[in-house]
Amino acid sequence: MLRKIARLFVIKSHWEAYMIIYALALGAVERGSVYLTRFPGFGGKLLFLACTGAVFMAGAKILDCIKYEKAARLEAAQVAESTPDAEQKQAA
């Protein structure tokens, strides 16, 4: 049961990643607007840019991880397919 709940928190597709990145961006812009009102001037603008820049970095990392996990799953599937053939050849 715990594994089923844990699977809800795993990003499996690009669509899910884009939705999470969008949510992160909304939160970052909201936080950045608070910084703009609380710290008027150049400091507020820098903090706003830091918030939005963090979303770009996190989004890139999320998308890269999805690509690498898909490649690892494909490689594991290919190894699993080739392993029984090798065992049959050795037994013969």
Protein backbone atom coordinates (compact mmCIF):
# COMPACT_ATOMS: atom_id res chain seq x y z
CA MET A 1 0.00 0.00 0.00
CA LEU A 2 2.85 2.34 0.83
CA ARG A 3 4.43 1.69 -2.58
CA LYS A 4 1.23 2.69 -4.32
CA ILE A 5 1.20 5.98 -2.45
CA ALA A 6 4.90 6.53 -3.17
CA ARG A 7 4.31 6.03 -6.91
CA LEU A 8 2.07 9.11 -6.88
CA PHE A 9 5.13 11.26 -6.20
CA VAL A 10 7.24 9.92 -9.09
CA ILE A 11 7.38 11.98 -12.27
CA LYS A 12 7.06 9.55 -15.16
CA SER A 13 6.34 11.65 -18.25
CA HIS A 14 7.19 14.99 -19.78
CA TRP A 15 3.58 16.12 -19.35
CA GLU A 16 3.78 15.59 -15.59
CA ALA A 17 7.12 17.41 -15.51
CA TYR A 18 5.70 20.40 -17.38
CA MET A 19 2.77 20.62 -14.97
CA ILE A 20 5.12 20.59 -11.98
CA ILE A 21 7.38 23.19 -13.57
CA TYR A 22 4.33 25.37 -14.24
CA ALA A 23 3.30 25.11 -10.58
CA LEU A 24 6.83 25.98 -9.48
CA ALA A 25 6.79 29.00 -11.81
CA LEU A 26 3.50 30.24 -10.40
CA GLY A 27 4.85 30.02 -6.88
CA ALA A 28 8.10 31.71 -7.85
CA VAL A 29 6.34 34.62 -9.53
CA GLU A 30 4.05 35.02 -6.54
CA ARG A 31 7.03 35.03 -4.18
CA GLY A 32 8.90 37.38 -6.50
CA SER A 33 6.03 39.86 -6.51
CA VAL A 34 6.11 39.85 -2.71
CA TYR A 35 9.83 40.64 -2.88
CA LEU A 36 9.14 43.51 -5.29
CA THR A 37 6.68 45.12 -2.90
CA ARG A 38 8.70 44.44 0.25
CA PHE A 39 12.06 45.48 -1.23
CA PRO A 40 11.42 48.20 -3.81
CA GLY A 41 14.20 48.99 -6.21
CA PHE A 42 17.14 46.99 -7.47
CA GLY A 43 17.23 44.53 -4.55
CA GLY A 44 13.63 43.45 -5.10
CA LYS A 45 14.26 42.97 -8.80
CA LEU A 46 17.30 40.81 -8.09
CA LEU A 47 15.32 38.64 -5.68
CA PHE A 48 12.53 38.32 -8.27
CA LEU A 49 15.06 37.19 -10.87
CA ALA A 50 16.57 34.72 -8.40
CA CYS A 51 13.13 33.17 -7.81
CA THR A 52 12.39 32.77 -11.51
CA GLY A 53 15.94 31.63 -12.29
CA ALA A 54 15.61 28.85 -9.76
CA VAL A 55 12.57 27.55 -11.66
CA PHE A 56 14.58 27.42 -14.90
CA MET A 57 17.34 25.43 -13.21
CA ALA A 58 14.92 23.06 -11.46
CA GLY A 59 12.92 22.55 -14.65
CA ALA A 60 16.02 21.68 -16.63
CA LYS A 61 17.09 19.19 -13.95
CA ILE A 62 13.64 17.56 -13.86
CA LEU A 63 13.56 17.15 -17.65
CA ASP A 64 17.12 15.78 -17.72
CA CYS A 65 16.31 13.25 -15.00
CA ILE A 66 13.29 12.00 -16.94
CA LYS A 67 15.45 11.53 -20.04
CA TYR A 68 18.13 9.61 -18.11
CA GLU A 69 15.59 7.44 -16.27
CA LYS A 70 13.92 6.47 -19.57
CA ALA A 71 17.31 5.57 -21.02
CA ALA A 72 18.14 3.48 -17.96
CA ARG A 73 14.80 1.65 -18.17
CA LEU A 74 15.38 0.91 -21.86
CA GLU A 75 18.87 -0.39 -21.15
CA ALA A 76 17.61 -2.58 -18.31
CA ALA A 77 14.90 -3.98 -20.55
CA GLN A 78 17.44 -4.78 -23.27
CA VAL A 79 19.72 -6.49 -20.78
CA ALA A 80 16.79 -8.49 -19.42
CA GLU A 81 15.87 -9.61 -22.93
CA SER A 82 19.42 -10.62 -23.82
CA THR A 83 20.20 -12.41 -20.54
CA PRO A 84 17.99 -15.51 -21.08
CA ASP A 85 19.52 -16.02 -24.55
CA ALA A 86 23.02 -15.99 -23.14
CA GLU A 87 22.07 -18.52 -20.45
CA GLN A 88 20.52 -20.82 -23.06
CA LYS A 89 23.66 -20.70 -25.21
CA GLN A 90 25.87 -21.52 -22.24
CA ALA A 91 23.65 -24.46 -21.24
CA ALA A 92 23.80 -25.97 -24.75
